[in-house]
């Protein structure tokens, strides 16, 4: 439900209110409309006169089960649930994690995984070894986040989110996991860094850069940037240079 006003708010009407309703949930299936897909491919090929290869984009390999949970039950129920209905939250996270893994494995079995598709704006260009199959999940980049539940304490994060992230990270990609968080992750870094195959870590303006460098060092690719809203609205060129210099002074060796 939305207010309809410019910049207005919205509230999720939960489609799942209780644990008793979980049997109504179904895991997602990977299905293809072959006729429609063929028609779109032919049209796209015609538009570029065959001069560029045309690929079918399916789904980026994202694995953020808590975001799906919040979309189904609403943020209030999720935040209260870790306190008064912990078994419900664990069941939801388990169900969504199982479904995510099964869905992407079905894509892989259908030949629909394309490693190049996962080199999105969040990950760098990569050249796979000649013998690496680009249609395997193992050679794709995986994106994990839990931004909607940024308010969870490190202890709650470790209990309710980390185990499911670890399951996903262990099957999705070999040394190609990207963890994103626009929120402050400083106290959660010791937990997140344990993820299997973690390669790239996002350090937002709300995560302490110096602490992140001290905790992560050169073990991972560190991704950070100057504070976007400030840069666009009020920073002068000298302000921007100063912000970039600080990043390099603190994290240049990492």
C-alpha atoms as a PDB file:
ATOM      1  CA  UNK A   1       0.000   0.000   0.000  1.00  0.00           C
ATOM      2  CA  UNK A   2       1.458   3.355  -1.069  1.00  0.00           C
ATOM      3  CA  UNK A   3       0.549   6.904  -0.101  1.00  0.00           C
ATOM      4  CA  UNK A   4       0.727   7.979  -3.733  1.00  0.00           C
ATOM      5  CA  UNK A   5       2.483  11.231  -2.862  1.00  0.00           C
ATOM      6  CA  UNK A   6       5.832  12.168  -4.432  1.00  0.00           C
ATOM      7  CA  UNK A   7       8.471  10.823  -2.059  1.00  0.00           C
ATOM      8  CA  UNK A   8       5.729   9.161  -0.030  1.00  0.00           C
ATOM      9  CA  UNK A   9       5.906   5.995   2.018  1.00  0.00           C
ATOM     10  CA  UNK A  10       4.616   2.471   1.476  1.00  0.00           C
ATOM     11  CA  UNK A  11       3.719  -0.463   3.688  1.00  0.00           C
ATOM     12  CA  UNK A  12       3.842  -4.144   2.792  1.00  0.00           C
ATOM     13  CA  UNK A  13       0.621  -6.059   3.259  1.00  0.00           C
ATOM     14  CA  UNK A  14       2.008  -9.456   4.330  1.00  0.00           C
ATOM     15  CA  UNK A  15       1.041 -12.418   2.186  1.00  0.00           C
ATOM     16  CA  UNK A  16       2.206 -14.694   4.992  1.00  0.00           C
ATOM     17  CA  UNK A  17       1.082 -13.966   8.540  1.00  0.00           C
ATOM     18  CA  UNK A  18       1.843 -17.141  10.470  1.00  0.00           C
ATOM     19  CA  UNK A  19       3.868 -20.317  10.455  1.00  0.00           C
ATOM     20  CA  UNK A  20       0.648 -22.266   9.820  1.00  0.00           C
ATOM     21  CA  UNK A  21       0.471 -20.705   6.343  1.00  0.00           C
ATOM     22  CA  UNK A  22       3.881 -21.949   5.229  1.00  0.00           C
ATOM     23  CA  UNK A  23       2.487 -25.111   3.537  1.00  0.00           C
ATOM     24  CA  UNK A  24       0.896 -22.768   0.973  1.00  0.00           C
ATOM     25  CA  UNK A  25       4.316 -21.562  -0.178  1.00  0.00           C
ATOM     26  CA  UNK A  26       5.869 -23.059  -3.300  1.00  0.00           C
ATOM     27  CA  UNK A  27       9.485 -22.928  -4.382  1.00  0.00           C
ATOM     28  CA  UNK A  28      10.198 -21.049  -7.625  1.00  0.00           C
ATOM     29  CA  UNK A  29      10.664 -22.993 -10.845  1.00  0.00           C
ATOM     30  CA  UNK A  30      12.848 -22.080 -13.783  1.00  0.00           C
ATOM     31  CA  UNK A  31      10.646 -22.166 -16.864  1.00  0.00           C
ATOM     32  CA  UNK A  32      11.180 -20.893 -20.405  1.00  0.00           C
ATOM     33  CA  UNK A  33       8.671 -19.827 -23.038  1.00  0.00           C
ATOM     34  CA  UNK A  34      10.714 -21.189 -25.937  1.00  0.00           C
ATOM     35  CA  UNK A  35       8.587 -19.692 -28.710  1.00  0.00           C
ATOM     36  CA  UNK A  36       8.554 -16.169 -27.266  1.00  0.00           C
ATOM     37  CA  UNK A  37      12.251 -16.339 -26.425  1.00  0.00           C
ATOM     38  CA  UNK A  38      13.120 -17.389 -29.963  1.00  0.00           C
ATOM     39  CA  UNK A  39      11.086 -14.494 -31.379  1.00  0.00           C
ATOM     40  CA  UNK A  40      12.818 -11.948 -29.151  1.00  0.00           C
ATOM     41  CA  UNK A  41      16.243 -13.360 -30.030  1.00  0.00           C
ATOM     42  CA  UNK A  42      15.500 -13.142 -33.748  1.00  0.00           C
ATOM     43  CA  UNK A  43      14.256  -9.559 -33.429  1.00  0.00           C
ATOM     44  CA  UNK A  44      17.303  -8.490 -31.408  1.00  0.00           C
ATOM     45  CA  UNK A  45      19.663 -10.147 -33.886  1.00  0.00           C
ATOM     46  CA  UNK A  46      17.892  -8.373 -36.727  1.00  0.00           C
ATOM     47  CA  UNK A  47      18.200  -4.989 -34.984  1.00  0.00           C
ATOM     48  CA  UNK A  48      22.005  -5.264 -34.715  1.00  0.00           C
ATOM     49  CA  UNK A  49      22.265  -6.825 -38.200  1.00  0.00           C
ATOM     50  CA  UNK A  50      24.087  -9.812 -36.738  1.00  0.00           C
ATOM     51  CA  UNK A  51      27.129  -7.694 -35.878  1.00  0.00           C
ATOM     52  CA  UNK A  52      26.910  -8.348 -32.144  1.00  0.00           C
ATOM     53  CA  UNK A  53      26.274 -11.584 -30.305  1.00  0.00           C
ATOM     54  CA  UNK A  54      22.816 -11.667 -28.742  1.00  0.00           C
ATOM     55  CA  UNK A  55      22.336 -13.383 -25.390  1.00  0.00           C
ATOM     56  CA  UNK A  56      19.284 -14.159 -23.313  1.00  0.00           C
ATOM     57  CA  UNK A  57      19.575 -12.534 -19.894  1.00  0.00           C
ATOM     58  CA  UNK A  58      17.952 -14.699 -17.234  1.00  0.00           C
ATOM     59  CA  UNK A  59      18.624 -13.865 -13.585  1.00  0.00           C
ATOM     60  CA  UNK A  60      21.657 -12.438 -11.879  1.00  0.00           C
ATOM     61  CA  UNK A  61      22.878 -14.861  -9.242  1.00  0.00           C
ATOM     62  CA  UNK A  62      21.575 -13.045  -6.196  1.00  0.00           C
ATOM     63  CA  UNK A  63      21.209 -14.881  -2.942  1.00  0.00           C
ATOM     64  CA  UNK A  64      19.672 -12.654  -0.263  1.00  0.00           C
ATOM     65  CA  UNK A  65      17.030 -14.825   1.432  1.00  0.00           C
ATOM     66  CA  UNK A  66      16.142 -12.301   4.125  1.00  0.00           C
ATOM     67  CA  UNK A  67      15.029  -9.810   1.463  1.00  0.00           C
ATOM     68  CA  UNK A  68      12.597 -12.400   0.101  1.00  0.00           C
ATOM     69  CA  UNK A  69      11.380 -13.128   3.624  1.00  0.00           C
ATOM     70  CA  UNK A  70      10.717  -9.439   4.278  1.00  0.00           C
ATOM     71  CA  UNK A  71       8.823  -9.123   0.988  1.00  0.00           C
ATOM     72  CA  UNK A  72       6.546 -11.994   2.059  1.00  0.00           C
ATOM     73  CA  UNK A  73       5.897 -11.150   5.711  1.00  0.00           C
ATOM     74  CA  UNK A  74       6.761  -7.456   6.060  1.00  0.00           C
ATOM     75  CA  UNK A  75       9.602  -5.789   7.937  1.00  0.00           C
ATOM     76  CA  UNK A  76       7.725  -5.458  11.233  1.00  0.00           C
ATOM     77  CA  UNK A  77       6.964  -9.177  11.432  1.00  0.00           C
ATOM     78  CA  UNK A  78      10.572 -10.038  10.604  1.00  0.00           C
ATOM     79  CA  UNK A  79      12.037  -7.698  13.228  1.00  0.00           C
ATOM     80  CA  UNK A  80       9.620  -8.854  15.932  1.00  0.00           C
ATOM     81  CA  UNK A  81       9.907 -12.455  14.766  1.00  0.00           C
ATOM     82  CA  UNK A  82      13.570 -12.866  15.698  1.00  0.00           C
ATOM     83  CA  UNK A  83      12.434 -12.202  19.279  1.00  0.00           C
ATOM     84  CA  UNK A  84       8.996 -13.737  19.666  1.00  0.00           C
ATOM     85  CA  UNK A  85       8.858 -16.303  16.805  1.00  0.00           C
ATOM     86  CA  UNK A  86      12.450 -17.449  16.199  1.00  0.00           C
ATOM     87  CA  UNK A  87      11.443 -20.892  14.897  1.00  0.00           C
ATOM     88  CA  UNK A  88       9.217 -19.215  12.267  1.00  0.00           C
ATOM     89  CA  UNK A  89      12.107 -17.032  11.064  1.00  0.00           C
ATOM     90  CA  UNK A  90      14.435 -20.031  10.833  1.00  0.00           C
ATOM     91  CA  UNK A  91      11.830 -22.031   8.900  1.00  0.00           C
ATOM     92  CA  UNK A  92      11.344 -19.162   6.474  1.00  0.00           C
ATOM     93  CA  UNK A  93      15.075 -18.675   5.944  1.00  0.00           C
ATOM     94  CA  UNK A  94      15.553 -22.417   5.436  1.00  0.00           C
ATOM     95  CA  UNK A  95      12.687 -22.641   2.934  1.00  0.00           C
ATOM     96  CA  UNK A  96      13.844 -19.624   0.915  1.00  0.00           C
ATOM     97  CA  UNK A  97      17.465 -20.790   0.951  1.00  0.00           C
ATOM     98  CA  UNK A  98      16.449 -24.242  -0.298  1.00  0.00           C
ATOM     99  CA  UNK A  99      14.341 -22.632  -3.015  1.00  0.00           C
ATOM    100  CA  UNK A 100      17.103 -20.276  -4.112  1.00  0.00           C
ATOM    101  CA  UNK A 101      19.640 -23.072  -4.452  1.00  0.00           C
ATOM    102  CA  UNK A 102      17.186 -25.328  -6.287  1.00  0.00           C
ATOM    103  CA  UNK A 103      16.173 -22.531  -8.673  1.00  0.00           C
ATOM    104  CA  UNK A 104      19.718 -21.623  -9.683  1.00  0.00           C
ATOM    105  CA  UNK A 105      20.701 -25.275 -10.042  1.00  0.00           C
ATOM    106  CA  UNK A 106      17.717 -25.715 -12.373  1.00  0.00           C
ATOM    107  CA  UNK A 107      18.960 -22.752 -14.408  1.00  0.00           C
ATOM    108  CA  UNK A 108      22.396 -24.332 -14.543  1.00  0.00           C
ATOM    109  CA  UNK A 109      20.976 -27.676 -15.664  1.00  0.00           C
ATOM    110  CA  UNK A 110      19.048 -25.897 -18.427  1.00  0.00           C
ATOM    111  CA  UNK A 111      22.207 -24.172 -19.670  1.00  0.00           C
ATOM    112  CA  UNK A 112      20.802 -20.760 -18.693  1.00  0.00           C
ATOM    113  CA  UNK A 113      23.681 -19.669 -16.461  1.00  0.00           C
ATOM    114  CA  UNK A 114      26.117 -17.265 -18.103  1.00  0.00           C
ATOM    115  CA  UNK A 115      29.115 -16.138 -16.070  1.00  0.00           C
ATOM    116  CA  UNK A 116      29.457 -12.990 -18.161  1.00  0.00           C
ATOM    117  CA  UNK A 117      25.997 -11.910 -17.074  1.00  0.00           C
ATOM    118  CA  UNK A 118      27.210 -11.779 -13.472  1.00  0.00           C
ATOM    119  CA  UNK A 119      29.947  -9.248 -14.262  1.00  0.00           C
ATOM    120  CA  UNK A 120      27.470  -6.505 -13.477  1.00  0.00           C
ATOM    121  CA  UNK A 121      28.083  -2.974 -12.284  1.00  0.00           C
ATOM    122  CA  UNK A 122      29.031  -4.475  -8.933  1.00  0.00           C
ATOM    123  CA  UNK A 123      31.814  -6.770 -10.119  1.00  0.00           C
ATOM    124  CA  UNK A 124      34.726  -6.286 -12.425  1.00  0.00           C
ATOM    125  CA  UNK A 125      35.280  -7.772 -15.863  1.00  0.00           C
ATOM    126  CA  UNK A 126      36.800 -11.216 -15.692  1.00  0.00           C
ATOM    127  CA  UNK A 127      38.395 -13.537 -18.217  1.00  0.00           C
ATOM    128  CA  UNK A 128      37.730 -17.150 -17.389  1.00  0.00           C
ATOM    129  CA  UNK A 129      40.437 -19.730 -18.031  1.00  0.00           C
ATOM    130  CA  UNK A 130      40.033 -21.438 -21.433  1.00  0.00           C
ATOM    131  CA  UNK A 131      38.919 -24.680 -19.790  1.00  0.00           C
ATOM    132  CA  UNK A 132      36.318 -23.020 -17.503  1.00  0.00           C
ATOM    133  CA  UNK A 133      32.704 -23.622 -18.495  1.00  0.00           C
ATOM    134  CA  UNK A 134      30.950 -20.196 -18.443  1.00  0.00           C
ATOM    135  CA  UNK A 135      27.588 -21.923 -17.959  1.00  0.00           C
ATOM    136  CA  UNK A 136      28.383 -23.179 -14.472  1.00  0.00           C
ATOM    137  CA  UNK A 137      27.406 -21.468 -11.223  1.00  0.00           C
ATOM    138  CA  UNK A 138      30.916 -22.148  -9.964  1.00  0.00           C
ATOM    139  CA  UNK A 139      32.295 -19.658 -12.484  1.00  0.00           C
ATOM    140  CA  UNK A 140      29.662 -16.990 -11.810  1.00  0.00           C
ATOM    141  CA  UNK A 141      29.701 -14.144  -9.301  1.00  0.00           C
ATOM    142  CA  UNK A 142      27.179 -14.359  -6.474  1.00  0.00           C
ATOM    143  CA  UNK A 143      25.668 -11.320  -4.736  1.00  0.00           C
ATOM    144  CA  UNK A 144      24.626 -11.631  -1.078  1.00  0.00           C
ATOM    145  CA  UNK A 145      23.126  -8.895   1.083  1.00  0.00           C
ATOM    146  CA  UNK A 146      20.748  -8.422   4.007  1.00  0.00           C
ATOM    147  CA  UNK A 147      20.099  -4.699   3.962  1.00  0.00           C
ATOM    148  CA  UNK A 148      16.462  -4.715   5.077  1.00  0.00           C
ATOM    149  CA  UNK A 149      17.496  -6.367   8.337  1.00  0.00           C
ATOM    150  CA  UNK A 150      20.410  -4.018   8.954  1.00  0.00           C
ATOM    151  CA  UNK A 151      18.941  -3.301  12.397  1.00  0.00           C
ATOM    152  CA  UNK A 152      19.722  -6.785  13.693  1.00  0.00           C
ATOM    153  CA  UNK A 153      22.502  -6.957  16.244  1.00  0.00           C
ATOM    154  CA  UNK A 154      25.651  -8.887  15.335  1.00  0.00           C
ATOM    155  CA  UNK A 155      24.498 -11.730  17.587  1.00  0.00           C
ATOM    156  CA  UNK A 156      21.104 -11.945  15.888  1.00  0.00           C
ATOM    157  CA  UNK A 157      22.713 -11.604  12.474  1.00  0.00           C
ATOM    158  CA  UNK A 158      24.989 -14.539  13.256  1.00  0.00           C
ATOM    159  CA  UNK A 159      22.058 -16.675  14.393  1.00  0.00           C
ATOM    160  CA  UNK A 160      19.354 -15.865  11.860  1.00  0.00           C
ATOM    161  CA  UNK A 161      21.197 -14.900   8.663  1.00  0.00           C
ATOM    162  CA  UNK A 162      24.801 -16.103   8.587  1.00  0.00           C
ATOM    163  CA  UNK A 163      24.084 -19.883   8.481  1.00  0.00           C
ATOM    164  CA  UNK A 164      21.895 -19.488   5.402  1.00  0.00           C
ATOM    165  CA  UNK A 165      24.338 -17.137   3.704  1.00  0.00           C
ATOM    166  CA  UNK A 166      27.058 -19.740   4.312  1.00  0.00           C
ATOM    167  CA  UNK A 167      24.953 -22.463   2.672  1.00  0.00           C
ATOM    168  CA  UNK A 168      24.362 -20.277  -0.367  1.00  0.00           C
ATOM    169  CA  UNK A 169      27.978 -19.159  -0.578  1.00  0.00           C
ATOM    170  CA  UNK A 170      29.239 -22.735  -0.476  1.00  0.00           C
ATOM    171  CA  UNK A 171      27.359 -23.821  -3.605  1.00  0.00           C
ATOM    172  CA  UNK A 172      27.062 -20.708  -5.784  1.00  0.00           C
ATOM    173  CA  UNK A 173      30.569 -19.763  -6.888  1.00  0.00           C
ATOM    174  CA  UNK A 174      34.225 -20.618  -6.428  1.00  0.00           C
ATOM    175  CA  UNK A 175      35.978 -17.600  -4.886  1.00  0.00           C
ATOM    176  CA  UNK A 176      33.433 -15.306  -6.527  1.00  0.00           C
ATOM    177  CA  UNK A 177      31.203 -14.096  -3.719  1.00  0.00           C
ATOM    178  CA  UNK A 178      30.421 -10.395  -3.445  1.00  0.00           C
ATOM    179  CA  UNK A 179      28.938  -9.165  -0.157  1.00  0.00           C
ATOM    180  CA  UNK A 180      27.105  -5.867  -0.388  1.00  0.00           C
ATOM    181  CA  UNK A 181      25.844  -3.606   2.370  1.00  0.00           C
ATOM    182  CA  UNK A 182      24.985   0.095   2.132  1.00  0.00           C
ATOM    183  CA  UNK A 183      24.469  -0.051   5.894  1.00  0.00           C
ATOM    184  CA  UNK A 184      27.068   0.118   8.652  1.00  0.00           C
ATOM    185  CA  UNK A 185      28.684  -3.334   8.819  1.00  0.00           C
ATOM    186  CA  UNK A 186      31.660  -2.576  11.076  1.00  0.00           C
ATOM    187  CA  UNK A 187      30.678  -4.858  14.012  1.00  0.00           C
ATOM    188  CA  UNK A 188      29.482  -7.619  11.667  1.00  0.00           C
ATOM    189  CA  UNK A 189      32.680  -7.913   9.603  1.00  0.00           C
ATOM    190  CA  UNK A 190      34.147 -10.680  11.834  1.00  0.00           C
ATOM    191  CA  UNK A 191      31.033 -12.743  11.086  1.00  0.00           C
ATOM    192  CA  UNK A 192      30.651 -11.957   7.384  1.00  0.00           C
ATOM    193  CA  UNK A 193      34.312 -12.605   6.582  1.00  0.00           C
ATOM    194  CA  UNK A 194      33.749 -16.284   7.447  1.00  0.00           C
ATOM    195  CA  UNK A 195      31.554 -16.757   4.354  1.00  0.00           C
ATOM    196  CA  UNK A 196      32.932 -19.438   2.020  1.00  0.00           C
ATOM    197  CA  UNK A 197      34.267 -18.094  -1.282  1.00  0.00           C
ATOM    198  CA  UNK A 198      34.093 -14.452  -0.150  1.00  0.00           C
ATOM    199  CA  UNK A 199      36.137 -12.360  -2.566  1.00  0.00           C
ATOM    200  CA  UNK A 200      34.746  -8.813  -2.655  1.00  0.00           C
ATOM    201  CA  UNK A 201      33.400  -6.726   0.249  1.00  0.00           C
ATOM    202  CA  UNK A 202      31.490  -3.439   0.010  1.00  0.00           C
ATOM    203  CA  UNK A 203      32.442  -0.746   2.525  1.00  0.00           C
ATOM    204  CA  UNK A 204      29.742   1.915   2.607  1.00  0.00           C
ATOM    205  CA  UNK A 205      29.941   5.433   4.021  1.00  0.00           C
ATOM    206  CA  UNK A 206      28.405   4.037   7.222  1.00  0.00           C
ATOM    207  CA  UNK A 207      31.022   1.301   7.649  1.00  0.00           C
ATOM    208  CA  UNK A 208      34.216   2.500   9.307  1.00  0.00           C
ATOM    209  CA  UNK A 209      36.875   2.315   6.612  1.00  0.00           C
ATOM    210  CA  UNK A 210      39.862   2.140   8.948  1.00  0.00           C
ATOM    211  CA  UNK A 211      38.293  -0.643  10.999  1.00  0.00           C
ATOM    212  CA  UNK A 212      37.347  -2.526   7.820  1.00  0.00           C
ATOM    213  CA  UNK A 213      40.921  -2.305   6.522  1.00  0.00           C
ATOM    214  CA  UNK A 214      42.278  -3.514   9.863  1.00  0.00           C
ATOM    215  CA  UNK A 215      39.853  -6.446   9.885  1.00  0.00           C
ATOM    216  CA  UNK A 216      40.010  -7.433   6.209  1.00  0.00           C
ATOM    217  CA  UNK A 217      43.454  -6.305   5.073  1.00  0.00           C
ATOM    218  CA  UNK A 218      44.451  -7.719   1.699  1.00  0.00           C
ATOM    219  CA  UNK A 219      42.486 -10.941   2.136  1.00  0.00           C
ATOM    220  CA  UNK A 220      39.600  -9.615   0.039  1.00  0.00           C
ATOM    221  CA  UNK A 221      38.867  -7.012  -2.614  1.00  0.00           C
ATOM    222  CA  UNK A 222      37.707  -3.913  -0.736  1.00  0.00           C
ATOM    223  CA  UNK A 223      35.141  -1.765  -2.549  1.00  0.00           C
ATOM    224  CA  UNK A 224      34.438   1.716  -1.239  1.00  0.00           C
ATOM    225  CA  UNK A 225      33.546   5.173  -2.502  1.00  0.00           C
ATOM    226  CA  UNK A 226      33.015   8.738  -1.378  1.00  0.00           C
ATOM    227  CA  UNK A 227      29.619   9.541   0.144  1.00  0.00           C
ATOM    228  CA  UNK A 228      27.384   9.773  -2.928  1.00  0.00           C
ATOM    229  CA  UNK A 229      24.662  12.197  -1.762  1.00  0.00           C
ATOM    230  CA  UNK A 230      27.180  14.670  -0.349  1.00  0.00           C
ATOM    231  CA  UNK A 231      29.315  14.457  -3.473  1.00  0.00           C
ATOM    232  CA  UNK A 232      26.411  15.238  -5.790  1.00  0.00           C
ATOM    233  CA  UNK A 233      24.913  18.014  -3.655  1.00  0.00           C
ATOM    234  CA  UNK A 234      27.576  19.976  -1.817  1.00  0.00           C
ATOM    235  CA  UNK A 235      31.124  18.770  -2.529  1.00  0.00           C
ATOM    236  CA  UNK A 236      33.525  21.018  -4.424  1.00  0.00           C
ATOM    237  CA  UNK A 237      36.250  19.481  -6.587  1.00  0.00           C
ATOM    238  CA  UNK A 238      38.713  19.981  -3.714  1.00  0.00           C
ATOM    239  CA  UNK A 239      36.291  18.238  -1.329  1.00  0.00           C
ATOM    240  CA  UNK A 240      36.117  15.292  -3.708  1.00  0.00           C
ATOM    241  CA  UNK A 241      39.907  15.102  -3.960  1.00  0.00           C
ATOM    242  CA  UNK A 242      40.209  15.236  -0.171  1.00  0.00           C
ATOM    243  CA  UNK A 243      37.705  12.398   0.215  1.00  0.00           C
ATOM    244  CA  UNK A 244      39.557  10.264  -2.321  1.00  0.00           C
ATOM    245  CA  UNK A 245      42.915  11.071  -0.702  1.00  0.00           C
ATOM    246  CA  UNK A 246      41.568   9.937   2.664  1.00  0.00           C
ATOM    247  CA  UNK A 247      40.422   6.636   1.156  1.00  0.00           C
ATOM    248  CA  UNK A 248      43.855   6.085  -0.358  1.00  0.00           C
ATOM    249  CA  UNK A 249      45.655   7.150   2.827  1.00  0.00           C
ATOM    250  CA  UNK A 250      43.625   4.705   4.916  1.00  0.00           C
ATOM    251  CA  UNK A 251      43.173   1.830   2.474  1.00  0.00           C
ATOM    252  CA  UNK A 252      45.678   2.348  -0.335  1.00  0.00           C
ATOM    253  CA  UNK A 253      47.904  -0.534   0.719  1.00  0.00           C
ATOM    254  CA  UNK A 254      44.865  -2.843   0.871  1.00  0.00           C
END
